[in-house]
Amino acid sequence: MPIGLVFRNLPLKGRIFFFFRLPGTFLRTFSMYSSYFGRVRRHVRNWPDVFLVTRGIKSHALLEFSDGVKFDMTKKTHLNVASYCEFLDMPEKAKKALKVEKSGDKIKMKYGNTSLISKTEFATPLIMEFYGNSHGLIDVKDRVVVDIGAYVGDTAVYYLLSGKAKKIYGLEIDPRIYREAETLVRENKLDGKIVMLCTGIAEKGNLDSMKLSEARLRDIGSKSEGKLKTISLDALADALNIKDGALKIDVEGMEYGVFDGASSKTLRRFKTMHIEYHYGYLQLVKRLNAEGFKVTCTNPYFKFNLLSGAGITCQGDIVAVRK
């Protein structure tokens, strides 16, 4: 854990609470992982393989779930296991609200008059976007949304159908996850409104020196093997010609570098932002205030990340609206 970054990004009261909350953080973490492993034991018939793969003793394992679903697990896909176990444990009221049905290796659901389909192992984030409304913090109606850290495209679909966004550009740096997002968008015939790009965001990107456009970025995404592609927020906003757009960032602690590399001109091209912070908020709030945004943020919660290796994070949400 970058303890210095956390302390710089918390007020004095937050720093004091950090130490007082440490015992509780470890207890909550133990409880959370006990719950996770309990789900695995309930729903995965060959559950010991999950632990062997997670610890690197086995490179992969073909898991068989209690409902007969099978998929190959690697250390990189352990979150898929957690996600599907969550789906199997999901409250019936959530499934009923969205008319969730299982069909082979797919999950079908309905939002309003729109039917959606997803792979079983990626269904939970999509269902919970609509049922939990966790990304309904900003107004995206009729705006172009830049969704950085788009994962499997669940937030992009939510912004389009629930938020009534004009268009969404979803950035996902992991080629495997990007392909899953592409599949979700294509199978639901949303590719006219949602554009997935296989690139990450960085203070200085390795694509910045290129002459970029939406078409060029899409072409780069289609050739997503090899070295990971990154782009600065400045270069991205220029390439996509963003004006009064909406920005969502969830990049697991890399958000500070994103803003360090962004110019005032670029930040003011966005009318509203939702940023998930991972190591405190003061640095980001100070920058956004200086650029003329009205900023609100949630109190941080502390999390000890055993499986990801991220250590203790100090997380929460920032919502910013340009005055």
Protein backbone atom coordinates (compact mmCIF):
# COMPACT_ATOMS: atom_id res chain seq x y z
CA MET A 1 0.00 0.00 0.00
CA PRO A 2 1.36 3.45 -0.92
CA ILE A 3 0.87 4.75 2.63
CA GLY A 4 2.33 8.15 1.75
CA LEU A 5 -0.25 8.64 -1.00
CA VAL A 6 -3.10 7.71 1.34
CA PHE A 7 -1.91 10.17 4.01
CA ARG A 8 -1.51 13.01 1.51
CA ASN A 9 -5.05 12.39 0.30
CA LEU A 10 -6.81 12.33 3.67
CA PRO A 11 -7.56 15.20 6.04
CA LEU A 12 -6.18 14.99 9.59
CA LYS A 13 -9.39 13.41 10.90
CA GLY A 14 -9.20 10.79 8.17
CA ARG A 15 -5.59 9.95 9.05
CA ILE A 16 -6.52 9.44 12.69
CA PHE A 17 -9.51 7.30 11.75
CA PHE A 18 -7.25 5.25 9.48
CA PHE A 19 -5.32 3.90 12.45
CA PHE A 20 -8.42 3.41 14.59
CA ARG A 21 -10.11 1.53 11.78
CA LEU A 22 -7.23 -0.82 10.99
CA PRO A 23 -8.38 -3.63 13.33
CA GLY A 24 -11.91 -3.36 11.94
CA THR A 25 -10.54 -3.38 8.39
CA PHE A 26 -8.76 -6.68 8.98
CA LEU A 27 -11.85 -8.15 10.64
CA ARG A 28 -14.12 -7.07 7.79
CA THR A 29 -11.62 -8.45 5.30
CA PHE A 30 -11.54 -11.79 7.10
CA SER A 31 -15.34 -11.84 7.11
CA MET A 32 -15.50 -10.91 3.41
CA TYR A 33 -13.08 -13.60 2.32
CA SER A 34 -14.75 -16.14 4.62
CA SER A 35 -17.98 -15.30 2.81
CA TYR A 36 -16.26 -15.61 -0.59
CA PHE A 37 -14.70 -18.98 0.18
CA GLY A 38 -17.98 -20.12 1.72
CA ARG A 39 -19.73 -19.34 -1.57
CA VAL A 40 -17.05 -21.21 -3.49
CA ARG A 41 -17.49 -24.29 -1.31
CA ARG A 42 -21.27 -24.13 -1.73
CA HIS A 43 -21.32 -23.67 -5.48
CA VAL A 44 -18.14 -25.21 -6.95
CA ARG A 45 -18.11 -28.99 -6.89
CA ASN A 46 -14.33 -29.22 -7.29
CA TRP A 47 -13.78 -26.22 -4.99
CA PRO A 48 -10.22 -27.18 -3.86
CA ASP A 49 -9.05 -26.35 -7.39
CA VAL A 50 -10.07 -22.71 -6.83
CA PHE A 51 -7.58 -22.41 -3.97
CA LEU A 52 -4.85 -24.24 -5.89
CA VAL A 53 -5.19 -21.93 -8.90
CA THR A 54 -5.47 -18.79 -6.75
CA ARG A 55 -2.24 -19.68 -4.96
CA GLY A 56 -0.45 -20.49 -8.23
CA ILE A 57 -0.07 -24.22 -7.46
CA LYS A 58 -2.08 -25.04 -10.59
CA SER A 59 -2.09 -22.92 -13.75
CA HIS A 60 -5.75 -23.55 -14.51
CA ALA A 61 -8.70 -25.78 -13.63
CA LEU A 62 -12.01 -26.68 -15.26
CA LEU A 63 -14.56 -25.75 -12.61
CA GLU A 64 -17.99 -27.32 -12.36
CA PHE A 65 -20.67 -25.31 -10.57
CA SER A 66 -23.64 -26.64 -8.65
CA ASP A 67 -26.01 -25.82 -11.52
CA GLY A 68 -23.90 -27.69 -14.08
CA VAL A 69 -22.11 -24.65 -15.59
CA LYS A 70 -18.44 -25.23 -16.40
CA PHE A 71 -15.63 -22.86 -17.26
CA ASP A 72 -11.86 -22.83 -17.20
CA MET A 73 -10.33 -20.82 -14.36
CA THR A 74 -6.88 -19.23 -14.33
CA LYS A 75 -5.38 -16.92 -11.72
CA LYS A 76 -6.45 -13.96 -13.86
CA THR A 77 -10.07 -15.08 -13.97
CA HIS A 78 -10.68 -15.76 -10.27
CA LEU A 79 -13.05 -12.79 -10.24
CA ASN A 80 -15.26 -14.65 -12.73
CA VAL A 81 -15.65 -17.38 -10.14
CA ALA A 82 -16.60 -14.85 -7.47
CA SER A 83 -18.99 -13.13 -9.87
CA TYR A 84 -20.84 -16.31 -10.80
CA CYS A 85 -21.04 -17.46 -7.19
CA GLU A 86 -22.57 -14.05 -6.41
CA PHE A 87 -25.08 -14.63 -9.20
CA LEU A 88 -26.07 -17.99 -7.73
CA ASP A 89 -26.50 -16.30 -4.32
CA MET A 90 -28.29 -13.26 -5.74
CA PRO A 91 -31.57 -12.34 -4.01
CA GLU A 92 -34.62 -13.58 -5.86
CA LYS A 93 -36.11 -10.06 -5.78
CA ALA A 94 -33.22 -8.82 -7.95
CA LYS A 95 -33.75 -11.61 -10.46
CA LYS A 96 -37.51 -11.06 -10.50
CA ALA A 97 -37.17 -7.29 -10.89
CA LEU A 98 -35.15 -7.76 -14.07
CA LYS A 99 -36.86 -10.99 -15.20
CA VAL A 100 -33.56 -12.87 -15.11
CA GLU A 101 -33.53 -16.28 -16.79
CA LYS A 102 -30.73 -18.78 -17.38
CA SER A 103 -30.49 -20.28 -20.86
CA GLY A 104 -27.57 -22.66 -21.37
CA ASP A 105 -24.36 -20.69 -20.81
CA LYS A 106 -26.19 -17.36 -21.13
CA ILE A 107 -28.21 -15.18 -18.80
CA LYS A 108 -31.20 -13.28 -20.16
CA MET A 109 -32.69 -10.24 -18.44
CA LYS A 110 -35.03 -7.39 -19.25
CA TYR A 111 -34.75 -3.68 -18.49
CA GLY A 112 -37.92 -1.83 -19.47
CA ASN A 113 -38.68 -2.96 -22.99
CA THR A 114 -35.07 -3.92 -23.73
CA SER A 115 -33.95 -7.54 -23.54
CA LEU A 116 -30.30 -8.18 -22.69
CA ILE A 117 -28.13 -11.28 -22.83
CA SER A 118 -24.80 -11.96 -21.10
CA LYS A 119 -22.40 -14.82 -20.47
CA THR A 120 -23.13 -16.48 -17.15
CA GLU A 121 -19.80 -15.58 -15.53
CA PHE A 122 -20.22 -11.88 -16.36
CA ALA A 123 -23.94 -11.55 -15.62
CA THR A 124 -23.66 -10.31 -12.03
CA PRO A 125 -22.07 -6.88 -12.77
CA LEU A 126 -24.65 -6.21 -15.48
CA ILE A 127 -27.60 -7.21 -13.29
CA MET A 128 -26.34 -5.21 -10.32
CA GLU A 129 -25.77 -2.09 -12.44
CA PHE A 130 -29.49 -1.91 -13.12
CA TYR A 131 -30.70 -3.27 -9.80
CA GLY A 132 -28.19 -1.49 -7.55
CA ASN A 133 -27.91 1.76 -9.55
CA SER A 134 -24.33 2.28 -8.29
CA HIS A 135 -23.35 4.39 -11.31
CA GLY A 136 -26.42 6.61 -11.32
CA LEU A 137 -24.52 9.39 -9.55
CA ILE A 138 -24.08 11.63 -12.59
CA ASP A 139 -26.43 12.93 -15.27
CA VAL A 140 -25.36 11.50 -18.63
CA LYS A 141 -28.54 12.18 -20.60
CA ASP A 142 -27.77 13.20 -24.18
CA ARG A 143 -24.04 13.35 -23.40
CA VAL A 144 -21.07 11.50 -24.82
CA VAL A 145 -19.65 9.37 -22.02
CA VAL A 146 -16.03 8.30 -21.68
CA ASP A 147 -16.02 5.18 -19.50
CA ILE A 148 -12.44 4.49 -18.39
CA GLY A 149 -12.11 1.09 -16.77
CA ALA A 150 -15.16 -0.27 -18.58
CA TYR A 151 -14.58 -3.92 -17.56
CA VAL A 152 -17.08 -6.13 -19.48
CA GLY A 153 -19.17 -3.16 -20.66
CA ASP A 154 -21.73 -3.31 -17.85
CA THR A 155 -21.49 0.40 -16.95
CA ALA A 156 -21.56 1.38 -20.63
CA VAL A 157 -24.81 -0.54 -21.15
CA TYR A 158 -26.23 1.03 -17.99
CA TYR A 159 -25.34 4.56 -19.09
CA LEU A 160 -26.98 3.97 -22.46
CA LEU A 161 -30.22 2.32 -21.37
CA SER A 162 -30.82 3.89 -17.93
CA GLY A 163 -28.92 7.15 -18.25
CA LYS A 164 -30.02 7.82 -21.86
CA ALA A 165 -26.48 8.76 -22.91
CA LYS A 166 -25.94 9.85 -26.50
CA LYS A 167 -22.89 7.63 -27.03
CA ILE A 168 -20.40 5.76 -24.84
CA TYR A 169 -16.70 5.12 -25.39
CA GLY A 170 -15.60 2.29 -23.12
CA LEU A 171 -11.87 1.84 -22.45
CA GLU A 172 -10.62 -1.53 -21.21
CA ILE A 173 -6.89 -2.28 -21.24
CA ASP A 174 -7.06 -6.06 -20.68
CA PRO A 175 -7.48 -7.69 -24.12
CA ARG A 176 -9.36 -10.69 -22.72
CA ILE A 177 -11.86 -8.53 -20.81
CA TYR A 178 -12.11 -6.16 -23.77
CA ARG A 179 -13.19 -9.05 -26.01
CA GLU A 180 -15.88 -10.00 -23.48
CA ALA A 181 -17.13 -6.39 -23.52
CA GLU A 182 -17.15 -6.40 -27.31
CA THR A 183 -19.20 -9.59 -27.25
CA LEU A 184 -21.72 -8.12 -24.78
CA VAL A 185 -22.18 -4.99 -26.88
CA ARG A 186 -22.39 -6.86 -30.18
CA GLU A 187 -24.78 -9.61 -29.00
CA ASN A 188 -27.14 -6.97 -27.63
CA LYS A 189 -26.94 -4.93 -30.86
CA LEU A 190 -25.67 -1.85 -29.05
CA ASP A 191 -22.52 -1.35 -31.14
CA GLY A 192 -24.05 1.69 -32.84
CA LYS A 193 -24.08 3.55 -29.53
CA ILE A 194 -21.30 1.87 -27.51
CA VAL A 195 -17.73 1.83 -28.83
CA MET A 196 -15.27 -0.37 -26.95
CA LEU A 197 -11.58 0.56 -27.17
CA CYS A 198 -8.79 -1.78 -26.06
CA THR A 199 -6.59 0.82 -24.44
CA GLY A 200 -5.86 2.09 -20.96
CA ILE A 201 -5.41 5.62 -19.65
CA ALA A 202 -2.06 6.94 -18.45
CA GLU A 203 -0.31 10.19 -17.57
CA LYS A 204 1.66 9.76 -20.80
CA GLY A 205 0.39 7.09 -23.18
CA ASN A 206 2.33 5.08 -25.74
CA LEU A 207 -0.29 6.06 -28.35
CA ASP A 208 -0.01 9.81 -27.74
CA SER A 209 2.48 10.44 -30.54
CA MET A 210 0.17 8.93 -33.16
CA LYS A 211 -2.40 10.78 -35.21
CA LEU A 212 -5.54 9.44 -33.57
CA SER A 213 -9.24 9.38 -34.34
CA GLU A 214 -12.15 7.22 -33.25
CA ALA A 215 -11.64 4.98 -36.30
CA ARG A 216 -7.91 4.65 -35.60
CA LEU A 217 -8.52 3.79 -31.94
CA ARG A 218 -11.06 1.15 -32.94
CA ASP A 219 -8.58 -0.33 -35.39
CA ILE A 220 -5.92 -0.47 -32.67
CA GLY A 221 -8.41 -2.25 -30.43
CA SER A 222 -9.08 -4.91 -33.05
CA LYS A 223 -5.33 -5.73 -32.95
CA SER A 224 -5.26 -6.00 -29.19
CA GLU A 225 -2.55 -8.62 -28.70
CA GLY A 226 1.01 -7.83 -27.66
CA LYS A 227 2.05 -4.72 -25.77
CA LEU A 228 -0.73 -3.04 -23.82
CA LYS A 229 -1.86 0.25 -25.34
CA THR A 230 -2.24 3.42 -23.27
CA ILE A 231 -3.37 6.95 -24.02
CA SER A 232 -3.40 10.19 -22.05
CA LEU A 233 -6.72 11.88 -21.29
CA ASP A 234 -5.59 14.86 -23.42
CA ALA A 235 -4.98 12.70 -26.49
CA LEU A 236 -8.19 10.76 -25.95
CA ALA A 237 -10.39 13.86 -25.62
CA ASP A 238 -8.82 15.30 -28.78
CA ALA A 239 -9.25 12.08 -30.76
CA LEU A 240 -12.91 11.75 -29.77
CA ASN A 241 -13.62 15.51 -29.99
CA ILE A 242 -15.29 15.60 -26.57
CA LYS A 243 -17.47 18.62 -25.77
CA ASP A 244 -19.45 18.88 -22.52
CA GLY A 245 -19.05 15.13 -22.06
CA ALA A 246 -19.36 12.87 -19.03
CA LEU A 247 -16.38 11.03 -17.57
CA LYS A 248 -16.32 7.91 -15.43
CA ILE A 249 -12.99 6.60 -14.08
CA ASP A 250 -12.40 3.35 -12.20
CA VAL A 251 -8.78 2.37 -12.76
CA GLU A 252 -7.75 0.73 -9.47
CA GLY A 253 -5.53 3.50 -8.12
CA MET A 254 -4.19 4.91 -11.40
CA GLU A 255 -6.62 7.85 -11.33
CA TYR A 256 -4.04 10.23 -9.77
CA GLY A 257 -1.66 9.91 -12.72
CA VAL A 258 -4.55 10.44 -15.13
CA PHE A 259 -5.25 13.86 -13.62
CA ASP A 260 -1.56 14.73 -13.26
CA GLY A 261 -1.22 14.34 -17.03
CA ALA A 262 -4.47 16.12 -17.99
CA SER A 263 -4.52 19.76 -19.02
CA SER A 264 -7.07 22.30 -17.77
CA LYS A 265 -8.50 22.50 -21.29
CA THR A 266 -9.13 18.75 -21.34
CA LEU A 267 -10.81 18.60 -17.94
CA ARG A 268 -13.13 21.45 -18.92
CA ARG A 269 -14.28 19.46 -21.92
CA PHE A 270 -16.29 17.39 -19.44
CA LYS A 271 -19.43 18.69 -17.77
CA THR A 272 -19.68 15.95 -15.16
CA MET A 273 -17.46 13.22 -13.70
CA HIS A 274 -17.70 10.15 -11.50
CA ILE A 275 -14.31 9.06 -10.17
CA GLU A 276 -13.77 6.04 -7.95
CA TYR A 277 -10.77 6.89 -5.76
CA HIS A 278 -8.63 4.16 -4.19
CA TYR A 279 -6.01 5.97 -2.08
CA GLY A 280 -7.83 9.02 -0.70
CA TYR A 281 -9.41 12.05 -2.33
CA LEU A 282 -7.75 15.39 -1.39
CA GLN A 283 -5.42 15.55 -4.41
CA LEU A 284 -8.26 14.94 -6.86
CA VAL A 285 -10.72 17.27 -5.12
CA LYS A 286 -8.17 20.09 -5.03
CA ARG A 287 -7.50 19.76 -8.76
CA LEU A 288 -11.18 19.62 -9.69
CA ASN A 289 -12.02 22.64 -7.54
CA ALA A 290 -9.23 24.58 -9.24
CA GLU A 291 -10.74 23.73 -12.64
CA GLY A 292 -14.15 25.12 -11.70
CA PHE A 293 -16.01 21.97 -10.66
CA LYS A 294 -18.41 21.63 -7.77
CA VAL A 295 -17.20 18.51 -6.00
CA THR A 296 -18.77 16.10 -3.54
CA CYS A 297 -17.21 12.90 -2.27
CA THR A 298 -18.19 10.00 -0.07
CA ASN A 299 -16.34 9.18 3.13
CA PRO A 300 -13.61 6.61 2.48
CA TYR A 301 -13.80 3.01 3.50
CA PHE A 302 -10.71 0.91 4.02
CA LYS A 303 -10.23 -2.45 2.39
CA PHE A 304 -7.47 -5.04 2.66
CA ASN A 305 -7.12 -6.71 -0.75
CA LEU A 306 -5.68 -10.17 -0.20
CA LEU A 307 -6.19 -11.72 -3.64
CA SER A 308 -5.29 -8.74 -5.84
CA GLY A 309 -2.11 -7.85 -3.92
CA ALA A 310 -3.16 -4.18 -3.72
CA GLY A 311 -2.78 -4.11 0.05
CA ILE A 312 -4.95 -1.67 1.98
CA THR A 313 -6.93 0.76 -0.14
CA CYS A 314 -8.85 3.84 0.95
CA GLN A 315 -11.82 3.95 -1.41
CA GLY A 316 -14.87 6.01 -2.23
CA ASP A 317 -16.61 8.07 -4.92
CA ILE A 318 -16.12 11.60 -6.21
CA VAL A 319 -18.83 13.38 -8.18
CA ALA A 320 -17.86 16.59 -9.97
CA VAL A 321 -20.05 18.98 -11.97
CA ARG A 322 -18.57 21.92 -13.87
CA LYS A 323 -20.07 25.23 -12.70
